[in-house]
């Protein structure tokens, strides 16, 4: 079951744990987006592993793919779909991965409330 998360608390926990919670958050968001879109892509654990092995470069690609995946999930739910993949890509290029995670979580929360 996909649970709604408080974005502010997730950011707070990520900061006070020096980023450890954001790794867990990354895994959960990936698995939930896969479930919502109906497309079983790369699992959350594999995304975490690839991000660590590539020193974060895979995360930039992952952010772009998550934009596309959430677009598909919004269309699948019959909602007004917005493709934020380029926004996620630009934010991640500037090192704002936590902001991307927050926006993705917000989109997931909206989809969970709707469904």
PDB file of N, CA and C in Angstrom:
ATOM      1  N   UNK A   1       0.836  -1.180   0.000  1.00  0.00           N
ATOM      2  CA  UNK A   1       0.000   0.000   0.000  1.00  0.00           C
ATOM      3  C   UNK A   1       0.883   1.247   0.000  1.00  0.00           C
ATOM      4  N   UNK A   2       0.470   2.204  -0.780  1.00  0.00           N
ATOM      5  CA  UNK A   2       1.227   3.442  -0.892  1.00  0.00           C
ATOM      6  C   UNK A   2       0.725   4.415   0.171  1.00  0.00           C
ATOM      7  N   UNK A   3       1.659   4.934   0.938  1.00  0.00           N
ATOM      8  CA  UNK A   3       1.276   5.831   2.016  1.00  0.00           C
ATOM      9  C   UNK A   3       1.650   7.272   1.681  1.00  0.00           C
ATOM     10  N   UNK A   4       0.836   8.164   2.160  1.00  0.00           N
ATOM     11  CA  UNK A   4       1.109   9.585   2.005  1.00  0.00           C
ATOM     12  C   UNK A   4       2.180   9.980   3.022  1.00  0.00           C
ATOM     13  N   UNK A   5       3.166  10.739   2.580  1.00  0.00           N
ATOM     14  CA  UNK A   5       4.220  11.209   3.490  1.00  0.00           C
ATOM     15  C   UNK A   5       4.174  12.718   3.595  1.00  0.00           C
ATOM     16  N   UNK A   6       4.454  13.211   4.769  1.00  0.00           N
ATOM     17  CA  UNK A   6       4.573  14.647   4.975  1.00  0.00           C
ATOM     18  C   UNK A   6       5.915  15.097   4.394  1.00  0.00           C
ATOM     19  N   UNK A   7       5.873  15.953   3.391  1.00  0.00           N
ATOM     20  CA  UNK A   7       7.084  16.368   2.689  1.00  0.00           C
ATOM     21  C   UNK A   7       8.022  17.134   3.627  1.00  0.00           C
ATOM     22  N   UNK A   8       7.461  18.001   4.450  1.00  0.00           N
ATOM     23  CA  UNK A   8       8.283  18.772   5.383  1.00  0.00           C
ATOM     24  C   UNK A   8       9.026  17.895   6.374  1.00  0.00           C
ATOM     25  N   UNK A   9       8.334  16.894   6.902  1.00  0.00           N
ATOM     26  CA  UNK A   9       8.983  15.971   7.842  1.00  0.00           C
ATOM     27  C   UNK A   9      10.052  15.127   7.149  1.00  0.00           C
ATOM     28  N   UNK A  10       9.790  14.729   5.914  1.00  0.00           N
ATOM     29  CA  UNK A  10      10.784  13.940   5.177  1.00  0.00           C
ATOM     30  C   UNK A  10      12.056  14.756   4.948  1.00  0.00           C
ATOM     31  N   UNK A  11      11.905  16.017   4.622  1.00  0.00           N
ATOM     32  CA  UNK A  11      13.075  16.892   4.453  1.00  0.00           C
ATOM     33  C   UNK A  11      13.790  17.071   5.781  1.00  0.00           C
ATOM     34  N   UNK A  12      13.024  17.288   6.845  1.00  0.00           N
ATOM     35  CA  UNK A  12      13.600  17.455   8.182  1.00  0.00           C
ATOM     36  C   UNK A  12      14.401  16.220   8.593  1.00  0.00           C
ATOM     37  N   UNK A  13      13.813  15.037   8.405  1.00  0.00           N
ATOM     38  CA  UNK A  13      14.521  13.796   8.766  1.00  0.00           C
ATOM     39  C   UNK A  13      15.765  13.602   7.909  1.00  0.00           C
ATOM     40  N   UNK A  14      15.691  13.992   6.642  1.00  0.00           N
ATOM     41  CA  UNK A  14      16.861  13.884   5.763  1.00  0.00           C
ATOM     42  C   UNK A  14      17.997  14.770   6.252  1.00  0.00           C
ATOM     43  N   UNK A  15      17.660  15.956   6.720  1.00  0.00           N
ATOM     44  CA  UNK A  15      18.683  16.900   7.200  1.00  0.00           C
ATOM     45  C   UNK A  15      19.291  16.423   8.512  1.00  0.00           C
ATOM     46  N   UNK A  16      18.445  16.023   9.469  1.00  0.00           N
ATOM     47  CA  UNK A  16      18.998  15.666  10.783  1.00  0.00           C
ATOM     48  C   UNK A  16      19.734  14.324  10.772  1.00  0.00           C
ATOM     49  N   UNK A  17      19.464  13.478   9.765  1.00  0.00           N
ATOM     50  CA  UNK A  17      20.196  12.205   9.667  1.00  0.00           C
ATOM     51  C   UNK A  17      21.348  12.302   8.669  1.00  0.00           C
ATOM     52  N   UNK A  18      21.679  13.507   8.272  1.00  0.00           N
ATOM     53  CA  UNK A  18      22.778  13.751   7.313  1.00  0.00           C
ATOM     54  C   UNK A  18      22.587  12.990   6.001  1.00  0.00           C
ATOM     55  N   UNK A  19      21.355  12.901   5.549  1.00  0.00           N
ATOM     56  CA  UNK A  19      21.065  12.310   4.256  1.00  0.00           C
ATOM     57  C   UNK A  19      20.706  10.846   4.260  1.00  0.00           C
ATOM     58  N   UNK A  20      20.820  10.182   5.383  1.00  0.00           N
ATOM     59  CA  UNK A  20      20.520   8.747   5.431  1.00  0.00           C
ATOM     60  C   UNK A  20      19.035   8.494   5.161  1.00  0.00           C
ATOM     61  N   UNK A  21      18.169   9.325   5.741  1.00  0.00           N
ATOM     62  CA  UNK A  21      16.735   9.155   5.497  1.00  0.00           C
ATOM     63  C   UNK A  21      16.409   9.404   4.027  1.00  0.00           C
ATOM     64  N   UNK A  22      17.119  10.295   3.372  1.00  0.00           N
ATOM     65  CA  UNK A  22      16.838  10.567   1.958  1.00  0.00           C
ATOM     66  C   UNK A  22      17.120   9.344   1.086  1.00  0.00           C
ATOM     67  N   UNK A  23      18.051   8.500   1.506  1.00  0.00           N
ATOM     68  CA  UNK A  23      18.314   7.260   0.768  1.00  0.00           C
ATOM     69  C   UNK A  23      17.112   6.311   0.877  1.00  0.00           C
ATOM     70  N   UNK A  24      16.569   6.190   2.085  1.00  0.00           N
ATOM     71  CA  UNK A  24      15.363   5.385   2.297  1.00  0.00           C
ATOM     72  C   UNK A  24      14.200   5.972   1.501  1.00  0.00           C
ATOM     73  N   UNK A  25      14.095   7.299   1.542  1.00  0.00           N
ATOM     74  CA  UNK A  25      13.031   8.010   0.844  1.00  0.00           C
ATOM     75  C   UNK A  25      13.130   7.766  -0.665  1.00  0.00           C
ATOM     76  N   UNK A  26      14.325   7.780  -1.188  1.00  0.00           N
ATOM     77  CA  UNK A  26      14.569   7.511  -2.602  1.00  0.00           C
ATOM     78  C   UNK A  26      14.051   6.127  -2.999  1.00  0.00           C
ATOM     79  N   UNK A  27      14.353   5.137  -2.180  1.00  0.00           N
ATOM     80  CA  UNK A  27      13.908   3.764  -2.450  1.00  0.00           C
ATOM     81  C   UNK A  27      12.383   3.681  -2.429  1.00  0.00           C
ATOM     82  N   UNK A  28      11.755   4.259  -1.415  1.00  0.00           N
ATOM     83  CA  UNK A  28      10.302   4.194  -1.278  1.00  0.00           C
ATOM     84  C   UNK A  28       9.599   4.925  -2.421  1.00  0.00           C
ATOM     85  N   UNK A  29      10.087   6.111  -2.765  1.00  0.00           N
ATOM     86  CA  UNK A  29       9.470   6.902  -3.829  1.00  0.00           C
ATOM     87  C   UNK A  29       9.566   6.156  -5.162  1.00  0.00           C
ATOM     88  N   UNK A  30      10.686   5.519  -5.410  1.00  0.00           N
ATOM     89  CA  UNK A  30      10.862   4.767  -6.655  1.00  0.00           C
ATOM     90  C   UNK A  30       9.874   3.613  -6.735  1.00  0.00           C
ATOM     91  N   UNK A  31       9.773   2.840  -5.669  1.00  0.00           N
ATOM     92  CA  UNK A  31       8.854   1.704  -5.670  1.00  0.00           C
ATOM     93  C   UNK A  31       7.400   2.151  -5.791  1.00  0.00           C
ATOM     94  N   UNK A  32       7.046   3.255  -5.137  1.00  0.00           N
ATOM     95  CA  UNK A  32       5.672   3.756  -5.210  1.00  0.00           C
ATOM     96  C   UNK A  32       5.344   4.294  -6.599  1.00  0.00           C
ATOM     97  N   UNK A  33       6.295   4.988  -7.229  1.00  0.00           N
ATOM     98  CA  UNK A  33       6.068   5.501  -8.580  1.00  0.00           C
ATOM     99  C   UNK A  33       5.931   4.348  -9.575  1.00  0.00           C
ATOM    100  N   UNK A  34       6.728   3.290  -9.402  1.00  0.00           N
ATOM    101  CA  UNK A  34       6.594   2.109 -10.247  1.00  0.00           C
ATOM    102  C   UNK A  34       5.196   1.522 -10.115  1.00  0.00           C
ATOM    103  N   UNK A  35       4.713   1.437  -8.896  1.00  0.00           N
ATOM    104  CA  UNK A  35       3.393   0.871  -8.645  1.00  0.00           C
ATOM    105  C   UNK A  35       2.287   1.741  -9.249  1.00  0.00           C
ATOM    106  N   UNK A  36       2.386   3.049  -9.071  1.00  0.00           N
ATOM    107  CA  UNK A  36       1.353   3.955  -9.578  1.00  0.00           C
ATOM    108  C   UNK A  36       1.311   4.008 -11.097  1.00  0.00           C
ATOM    109  N   UNK A  37       2.472   3.925 -11.731  1.00  0.00           N
ATOM    110  CA  UNK A  37       2.514   4.029 -13.185  1.00  0.00           C
ATOM    111  C   UNK A  37       2.156   2.712 -13.869  1.00  0.00           C
ATOM    112  N   UNK A  38       2.218   1.627 -13.126  1.00  0.00           N
ATOM    113  CA  UNK A  38       1.941   0.327 -13.707  1.00  0.00           C
ATOM    114  C   UNK A  38       3.098  -0.211 -14.528  1.00  0.00           C
ATOM    115  N   UNK A  39       4.205   0.501 -14.507  1.00  0.00           N
ATOM    116  CA  UNK A  39       5.390   0.098 -15.259  1.00  0.00           C
ATOM    117  C   UNK A  39       6.459  -0.299 -14.253  1.00  0.00           C
ATOM    118  N   UNK A  40       6.793  -1.562 -14.233  1.00  0.00           N
ATOM    119  CA  UNK A  40       7.805  -2.011 -13.289  1.00  0.00           C
ATOM    120  C   UNK A  40       9.190  -1.768 -13.881  1.00  0.00           C
ATOM    121  N   UNK A  41       9.750  -0.662 -13.525  1.00  0.00           N
ATOM    122  CA  UNK A  41      11.081  -0.312 -13.986  1.00  0.00           C
ATOM    123  C   UNK A  41      12.113  -0.765 -12.972  1.00  0.00           C
ATOM    124  N   UNK A  42      13.152   0.004 -12.855  1.00  0.00           N
ATOM    125  CA  UNK A  42      14.215  -0.292 -11.914  1.00  0.00           C
ATOM    126  C   UNK A  42      13.682  -0.179 -10.489  1.00  0.00           C
ATOM    127  N   UNK A  43      13.965  -1.158  -9.652  1.00  0.00           N
ATOM    128  CA  UNK A  43      13.475  -1.143  -8.272  1.00  0.00           C
ATOM    129  C   UNK A  43      14.208  -0.072  -7.461  1.00  0.00           C
ATOM    130  N   UNK A  44      13.638   0.279  -6.328  1.00  0.00           N
ATOM    131  CA  UNK A  44      14.240   1.283  -5.467  1.00  0.00           C
ATOM    132  C   UNK A  44      15.617   0.896  -4.972  1.00  0.00           C
ATOM    133  N   UNK A  45      15.777  -0.362  -4.616  1.00  0.00           N
ATOM    134  CA  UNK A  45      17.084  -0.837  -4.150  1.00  0.00           C
ATOM    135  C   UNK A  45      18.146  -0.755  -5.232  1.00  0.00           C
ATOM    136  N   UNK A  46      17.770  -1.082  -6.452  1.00  0.00           N
ATOM    137  CA  UNK A  46      18.716  -1.010  -7.570  1.00  0.00           C
ATOM    138  C   UNK A  46      19.073   0.443  -7.879  1.00  0.00           C
ATOM    139  N   UNK A  47      18.092   1.339  -7.785  1.00  0.00           N
ATOM    140  CA  UNK A  47      18.370   2.765  -7.999  1.00  0.00           C
ATOM    141  C   UNK A  47      19.374   3.256  -6.969  1.00  0.00           C
ATOM    142  N   UNK A  48      19.191   2.863  -5.725  1.00  0.00           N
ATOM    143  CA  UNK A  48      20.128   3.256  -4.669  1.00  0.00           C
ATOM    144  C   UNK A  48      21.521   2.719  -4.965  1.00  0.00           C
ATOM    145  N   UNK A  49      21.615   1.457  -5.330  1.00  0.00           N
ATOM    146  CA  UNK A  49      22.911   0.851  -5.639  1.00  0.00           C
ATOM    147  C   UNK A  49      23.587   1.547  -6.823  1.00  0.00           C
ATOM    148  N   UNK A  50      22.849   1.773  -7.887  1.00  0.00           N
ATOM    149  CA  UNK A  50      23.421   2.440  -9.059  1.00  0.00           C
ATOM    150  C   UNK A  50      23.830   3.881  -8.747  1.00  0.00           C
ATOM    151  N   UNK A  51      23.067   4.552  -7.900  1.00  0.00           N
ATOM    152  CA  UNK A  51      23.420   5.925  -7.514  1.00  0.00           C
ATOM    153  C   UNK A  51      24.724   5.959  -6.727  1.00  0.00           C
ATOM    154  N   UNK A  52      24.906   4.991  -5.852  1.00  0.00           N
ATOM    155  CA  UNK A  52      26.140   4.933  -5.060  1.00  0.00           C
ATOM    156  C   UNK A  52      27.330   4.574  -5.949  1.00  0.00           C
ATOM    157  N   UNK A  53      27.164   3.569  -6.811  1.00  0.00           N
ATOM    158  CA  UNK A  53      28.254   3.111  -7.664  1.00  0.00           C
ATOM    159  C   UNK A  53      28.704   4.206  -8.642  1.00  0.00           C
ATOM    160  N   UNK A  54      27.750   5.002  -9.140  1.00  0.00           N
ATOM    161  CA  UNK A  54      28.092   6.043 -10.112  1.00  0.00           C
ATOM    162  C   UNK A  54      28.343   7.404  -9.463  1.00  0.00           C
ATOM    163  N   UNK A  55      28.472   7.418  -8.149  1.00  0.00           N
ATOM    164  CA  UNK A  55      28.719   8.662  -7.396  1.00  0.00           C
ATOM    165  C   UNK A  55      27.653   9.720  -7.664  1.00  0.00           C
ATOM    166  N   UNK A  56      26.416   9.284  -7.796  1.00  0.00           N
ATOM    167  CA  UNK A  56      25.299  10.205  -7.941  1.00  0.00           C
ATOM    168  C   UNK A  56      24.911  10.536  -9.372  1.00  0.00           C
ATOM    169  N   UNK A  57      25.680  10.126 -10.352  1.00  0.00           N
ATOM    170  CA  UNK A  57      25.335  10.431 -11.746  1.00  0.00           C
ATOM    171  C   UNK A  57      24.050   9.740 -12.183  1.00  0.00           C
ATOM    172  N   UNK A  58      23.836   8.523 -11.709  1.00  0.00           N
ATOM    173  CA  UNK A  58      22.605   7.817 -12.070  1.00  0.00           C
ATOM    174  C   UNK A  58      21.386   8.552 -11.518  1.00  0.00           C
ATOM    175  N   UNK A  59      21.541   9.246 -10.420  1.00  0.00           N
ATOM    176  CA  UNK A  59      20.431   9.969  -9.808  1.00  0.00           C
ATOM    177  C   UNK A  59      19.902  11.050 -10.747  1.00  0.00           C
ATOM    178  N   UNK A  60      20.785  11.664 -11.510  1.00  0.00           N
ATOM    179  CA  UNK A  60      20.360  12.690 -12.466  1.00  0.00           C
ATOM    180  C   UNK A  60      19.452  12.058 -13.518  1.00  0.00           C
ATOM    181  N   UNK A  61      19.859  10.923 -14.050  1.00  0.00           N
ATOM    182  CA  UNK A  61      19.034  10.192 -15.014  1.00  0.00           C
ATOM    183  C   UNK A  61      17.734   9.722 -14.361  1.00  0.00           C
ATOM    184  N   UNK A  62      17.837   9.238 -13.132  1.00  0.00           N
ATOM    185  CA  UNK A  62      16.661   8.754 -12.406  1.00  0.00           C
ATOM    186  C   UNK A  62      15.633   9.871 -12.233  1.00  0.00           C
ATOM    187  N   UNK A  63      16.092  11.067 -11.915  1.00  0.00           N
ATOM    188  CA  UNK A  63      15.170  12.197 -11.744  1.00  0.00           C
ATOM    189  C   UNK A  63      14.383  12.450 -13.022  1.00  0.00           C
ATOM    190  N   UNK A  64      15.057  12.415 -14.161  1.00  0.00           N
ATOM    191  CA  UNK A  64      14.384  12.609 -15.445  1.00  0.00           C
ATOM    192  C   UNK A  64      13.354  11.508 -15.679  1.00  0.00           C
ATOM    193  N   UNK A  65      13.747  10.252 -15.437  1.00  0.00           N
ATOM    194  CA  UNK A  65      12.843   9.127 -15.643  1.00  0.00           C
ATOM    195  C   UNK A  65      11.642   9.173 -14.699  1.00  0.00           C
ATOM    196  N   UNK A  66      11.843   9.674 -13.494  1.00  0.00           N
ATOM    197  CA  UNK A  66      10.728   9.779 -12.552  1.00  0.00           C
ATOM    198  C   UNK A  66       9.696  10.789 -13.043  1.00  0.00           C
ATOM    199  N   UNK A  67      10.138  11.842 -13.682  1.00  0.00           N
ATOM    200  CA  UNK A  67       9.203  12.798 -14.263  1.00  0.00           C
ATOM    201  C   UNK A  67       8.317  12.131 -15.302  1.00  0.00           C
ATOM    202  N   UNK A  68       8.929  11.315 -16.144  1.00  0.00           N
ATOM    203  CA  UNK A  68       8.166  10.587 -17.169  1.00  0.00           C
ATOM    204  C   UNK A  68       7.229   9.563 -16.529  1.00  0.00           C
ATOM    205  N   UNK A  69       7.715   8.884 -15.499  1.00  0.00           N
ATOM    206  CA  UNK A  69       6.919   7.854 -14.836  1.00  0.00           C
ATOM    207  C   UNK A  69       5.701   8.461 -14.128  1.00  0.00           C
ATOM    208  N   UNK A  70       5.896   9.591 -13.473  1.00  0.00           N
ATOM    209  CA  UNK A  70       4.772  10.241 -12.796  1.00  0.00           C
ATOM    210  C   UNK A  70       3.776  10.809 -13.810  1.00  0.00           C
ATOM    211  N   UNK A  71       4.265  11.249 -14.954  1.00  0.00           N
ATOM    212  CA  UNK A  71       3.378  11.697 -16.026  1.00  0.00           C
ATOM    213  C   UNK A  71       2.467  10.557 -16.454  1.00  0.00           C
ATOM    214  N   UNK A  72       3.048   9.369 -16.624  1.00  0.00           N
ATOM    215  CA  UNK A  72       2.260   8.190 -16.993  1.00  0.00           C
ATOM    216  C   UNK A  72       1.256   7.831 -15.889  1.00  0.00           C
ATOM    217  N   UNK A  73       1.683   7.954 -14.643  1.00  0.00           N
ATOM    218  CA  UNK A  73       0.791   7.629 -13.521  1.00  0.00           C
ATOM    219  C   UNK A  73      -0.391   8.599 -13.470  1.00  0.00           C
ATOM    220  N   UNK A  74      -0.127   9.872 -13.736  1.00  0.00           N
ATOM    221  CA  UNK A  74      -1.208  10.862 -13.735  1.00  0.00           C
ATOM    222  C   UNK A  74      -2.188  10.590 -14.868  1.00  0.00           C
ATOM    223  N   UNK A  75      -1.669  10.257 -16.041  1.00  0.00           N
ATOM    224  CA  UNK A  75      -2.553   9.918 -17.160  1.00  0.00           C
ATOM    225  C   UNK A  75      -3.363   8.664 -16.857  1.00  0.00           C
ATOM    226  N   UNK A  76      -2.712   7.694 -16.256  1.00  0.00           N
ATOM    227  CA  UNK A  76      -3.382   6.431 -15.917  1.00  0.00           C
ATOM    228  C   UNK A  76      -4.512   6.655 -14.922  1.00  0.00           C
ATOM    229  N   UNK A  77      -4.325   7.620 -14.011  1.00  0.00           N
ATOM    230  CA  UNK A  77      -5.346   7.916 -13.007  1.00  0.00           C
ATOM    231  C   UNK A  77      -6.435   8.835 -13.556  1.00  0.00           C
ATOM    232  N   UNK A  78      -6.275   9.301 -14.798  1.00  0.00           N
ATOM    233  CA  UNK A  78      -7.279  10.179 -15.384  1.00  0.00           C
ATOM    234  C   UNK A  78      -7.179  11.613 -14.904  1.00  0.00           C
ATOM    235  N   UNK A  79      -6.037  11.980 -14.400  1.00  0.00           N
ATOM    236  CA  UNK A  79      -5.824  13.337 -13.900  1.00  0.00           C
ATOM    237  C   UNK A  79      -5.160  14.190 -14.961  1.00  0.00           C
ATOM    238  N   UNK A  80      -5.201  15.499 -14.751  1.00  0.00           N
ATOM    239  CA  UNK A  80      -4.464  16.411 -15.628  1.00  0.00           C
ATOM    240  C   UNK A  80      -2.982  16.107 -15.445  1.00  0.00           C
ATOM    241  N   UNK A  81      -2.342  15.677 -16.510  1.00  0.00           N
ATOM    242  CA  UNK A  81      -0.950  15.236 -16.418  1.00  0.00           C
ATOM    243  C   UNK A  81       0.004  16.379 -16.760  1.00  0.00           C
ATOM    244  N   UNK A  82       1.056  16.495 -15.960  1.00  0.00           N
ATOM    245  CA  UNK A  82       2.099  17.480 -16.242  1.00  0.00           C
ATOM    246  C   UNK A  82       3.440  16.756 -16.236  1.00  0.00           C
ATOM    247  N   UNK A  83       4.201  16.972 -17.288  1.00  0.00           N
ATOM    248  CA  UNK A  83       5.498  16.317 -17.439  1.00  0.00           C
ATOM    249  C   UNK A  83       6.571  17.229 -16.843  1.00  0.00           C
ATOM    250  N   UNK A  84       7.032  16.876 -15.652  1.00  0.00           N
ATOM    251  CA  UNK A  84       8.038  17.678 -14.951  1.00  0.00           C
ATOM    252  C   UNK A  84       9.445  17.133 -15.118  1.00  0.00           C
ATOM    253  N   UNK A  85       9.654  16.237 -16.068  1.00  0.00           N
ATOM    254  CA  UNK A  85      10.950  15.575 -16.186  1.00  0.00           C
ATOM    255  C   UNK A  85      12.090  16.551 -16.451  1.00  0.00           C
ATOM    256  N   UNK A  86      11.863  17.576 -17.268  1.00  0.00           N
ATOM    257  CA  UNK A  86      12.932  18.549 -17.545  1.00  0.00           C
ATOM    258  C   UNK A  86      13.214  19.389 -16.303  1.00  0.00           C
ATOM    259  N   UNK A  87      12.171  19.752 -15.564  1.00  0.00           N
ATOM    260  CA  UNK A  87      12.369  20.490 -14.313  1.00  0.00           C
ATOM    261  C   UNK A  87      13.200  19.672 -13.337  1.00  0.00           C
ATOM    262  N   UNK A  88      12.881  18.383 -13.195  1.00  0.00           N
ATOM    263  CA  UNK A  88      13.647  17.508 -12.308  1.00  0.00           C
ATOM    264  C   UNK A  88      15.099  17.408 -12.753  1.00  0.00           C
ATOM    265  N   UNK A  89      15.305  17.322 -14.054  1.00  0.00           N
ATOM    266  CA  UNK A  89      16.659  17.231 -14.595  1.00  0.00           C
ATOM    267  C   UNK A  89      17.466  18.488 -14.287  1.00  0.00           C
ATOM    268  N   UNK A  90      16.867  19.642 -14.507  1.00  0.00           N
ATOM    269  CA  UNK A  90      17.576  20.903 -14.257  1.00  0.00           C
ATOM    270  C   UNK A  90      17.884  21.070 -12.776  1.00  0.00           C
ATOM    271  N   UNK A  91      16.914  20.780 -11.913  1.00  0.00           N
ATOM    272  CA  UNK A  91      17.154  20.887 -10.471  1.00  0.00           C
ATOM    273  C   UNK A  91      18.255  19.936 -10.025  1.00  0.00           C
ATOM    274  N   UNK A  92      18.268  18.730 -10.571  1.00  0.00           N
ATOM    275  CA  UNK A  92      19.291  17.772 -10.160  1.00  0.00           C
ATOM    276  C   UNK A  92      20.671  18.169 -10.673  1.00  0.00           C
ATOM    277  N   UNK A  93      20.734  18.814 -11.833  1.00  0.00           N
ATOM    278  CA  UNK A  93      22.022  19.303 -12.335  1.00  0.00           C
ATOM    279  C   UNK A  93      22.608  20.384 -11.429  1.00  0.00           C
ATOM    280  N   UNK A  94      21.736  21.123 -10.747  1.00  0.00           N
ATOM    281  CA  UNK A  94      22.185  22.136  -9.793  1.00  0.00           C
ATOM    282  C   UNK A  94      22.362  21.580  -8.381  1.00  0.00           C
ATOM    283  N   UNK A  95      22.240  20.255  -8.231  1.00  0.00           N
ATOM    284  CA  UNK A  95      22.474  19.623  -6.935  1.00  0.00           C
ATOM    285  C   UNK A  95      21.315  19.722  -5.966  1.00  0.00           C
ATOM    286  N   UNK A  96      20.127  19.956  -6.467  1.00  0.00           N
ATOM    287  CA  UNK A  96      18.956  20.118  -5.604  1.00  0.00           C
ATOM    288  C   UNK A  96      18.096  18.849  -5.600  1.00  0.00           C
ATOM    289  N   UNK A  97      18.742  17.728  -5.344  1.00  0.00           N
ATOM    290  CA  UNK A  97      18.048  16.437  -5.353  1.00  0.00           C
ATOM    291  C   UNK A  97      16.952  16.373  -4.284  1.00  0.00           C
ATOM    292  N   UNK A  98      17.176  16.992  -3.151  1.00  0.00           N
ATOM    293  CA  UNK A  98      16.173  16.972  -2.079  1.00  0.00           C
ATOM    294  C   UNK A  98      14.906  17.704  -2.513  1.00  0.00           C
ATOM    295  N   UNK A  99      15.063  18.748  -3.318  1.00  0.00           N
ATOM    296  CA  UNK A  99      13.905  19.481  -3.835  1.00  0.00           C
ATOM    297  C   UNK A  99      13.139  18.599  -4.820  1.00  0.00           C
ATOM    298  N   UNK A 100      13.869  17.872  -5.649  1.00  0.00           N
ATOM    299  CA  UNK A 100      13.233  16.956  -6.601  1.00  0.00           C
ATOM    300  C   UNK A 100      12.454  15.877  -5.847  1.00  0.00           C
ATOM    301  N   UNK A 101      13.070  15.312  -4.819  1.00  0.00           N
ATOM    302  CA  UNK A 101      12.371  14.301  -4.017  1.00  0.00           C
ATOM    303  C   UNK A 101      11.097  14.873  -3.400  1.00  0.00           C
ATOM    304  N   UNK A 102      11.165  16.111  -2.935  1.00  0.00           N
ATOM    305  CA  UNK A 102       9.992  16.741  -2.326  1.00  0.00           C
ATOM    306  C   UNK A 102       8.870  16.928  -3.351  1.00  0.00           C
ATOM    307  N   UNK A 103       9.209  17.351  -4.562  1.00  0.00           N
ATOM    308  CA  UNK A 103       8.197  17.536  -5.596  1.00  0.00           C
ATOM    309  C   UNK A 103       7.609  16.191  -6.009  1.00  0.00           C
ATOM    310  N   UNK A 104       8.461  15.191  -6.153  1.00  0.00           N
ATOM    311  CA  UNK A 104       7.985  13.849  -6.512  1.00  0.00           C
ATOM    312  C   UNK A 104       7.045  13.326  -5.433  1.00  0.00           C
ATOM    313  N   UNK A 105       7.420  13.498  -4.164  1.00  0.00           N
ATOM    314  CA  UNK A 105       6.566  13.030  -3.076  1.00  0.00           C
ATOM    315  C   UNK A 105       5.234  13.766  -3.080  1.00  0.00           C
ATOM    316  N   UNK A 106       5.269  15.044  -3.374  1.00  0.00           N
ATOM    317  CA  UNK A 106       4.033  15.817  -3.445  1.00  0.00           C
ATOM    318  C   UNK A 106       3.126  15.287  -4.556  1.00  0.00           C
ATOM    319  N   UNK A 107       3.719  14.977  -5.708  1.00  0.00           N
ATOM    320  CA  UNK A 107       2.933  14.410  -6.806  1.00  0.00           C
ATOM    321  C   UNK A 107       2.356  13.044  -6.436  1.00  0.00           C
ATOM    322  N   UNK A 108       3.145  12.230  -5.757  1.00  0.00           N
ATOM    323  CA  UNK A 108       2.657  10.921  -5.317  1.00  0.00           C
ATOM    324  C   UNK A 108       1.522  11.087  -4.314  1.00  0.00           C
ATOM    325  N   UNK A 109       1.680  12.029  -3.382  1.00  0.00           N
ATOM    326  CA  UNK A 109       0.613  12.288  -2.404  1.00  0.00           C
ATOM    327  C   UNK A 109      -0.687  12.693  -3.110  1.00  0.00           C
ATOM    328  N   UNK A 110      -0.579  13.544  -4.144  1.00  0.00           N
ATOM    329  CA  UNK A 110      -1.773  13.946  -4.889  1.00  0.00           C
ATOM    330  C   UNK A 110      -2.433  12.754  -5.566  1.00  0.00           C
ATOM    331  N   UNK A 111      -1.619  11.880  -6.137  1.00  0.00           N
ATOM    332  CA  UNK A 111      -2.183  10.689  -6.790  1.00  0.00           C
ATOM    333  C   UNK A 111      -2.828   9.737  -5.786  1.00  0.00           C
ATOM    334  N   UNK A 112      -2.217   9.588  -4.624  1.00  0.00           N
ATOM    335  CA  UNK A 112      -2.772   8.693  -3.595  1.00  0.00           C
ATOM    336  C   UNK A 112      -4.106   9.241  -3.092  1.00  0.00           C
ATOM    337  N   UNK A 113      -4.191  10.546  -2.916  1.00  0.00           N
ATOM    338  CA  UNK A 113      -5.440  11.162  -2.464  1.00  0.00           C
ATOM    339  C   UNK A 113      -6.551  10.991  -3.505  1.00  0.00           C
ATOM    340  N   UNK A 114      -6.165  11.053  -4.762  1.00  0.00           N
ATOM    341  CA  UNK A 114      -7.145  10.978  -5.850  1.00  0.00           C
ATOM    342  C   UNK A 114      -7.688   9.557  -6.034  1.00  0.00           C
ATOM    343  N   UNK A 115      -6.797   8.587  -5.910  1.00  0.00           N
ATOM    344  CA  UNK A 115      -7.183   7.193  -6.179  1.00  0.00           C
ATOM    345  C   UNK A 115      -7.873   6.587  -5.023  1.00  0.00           C
TER     346      UNK A 115
END
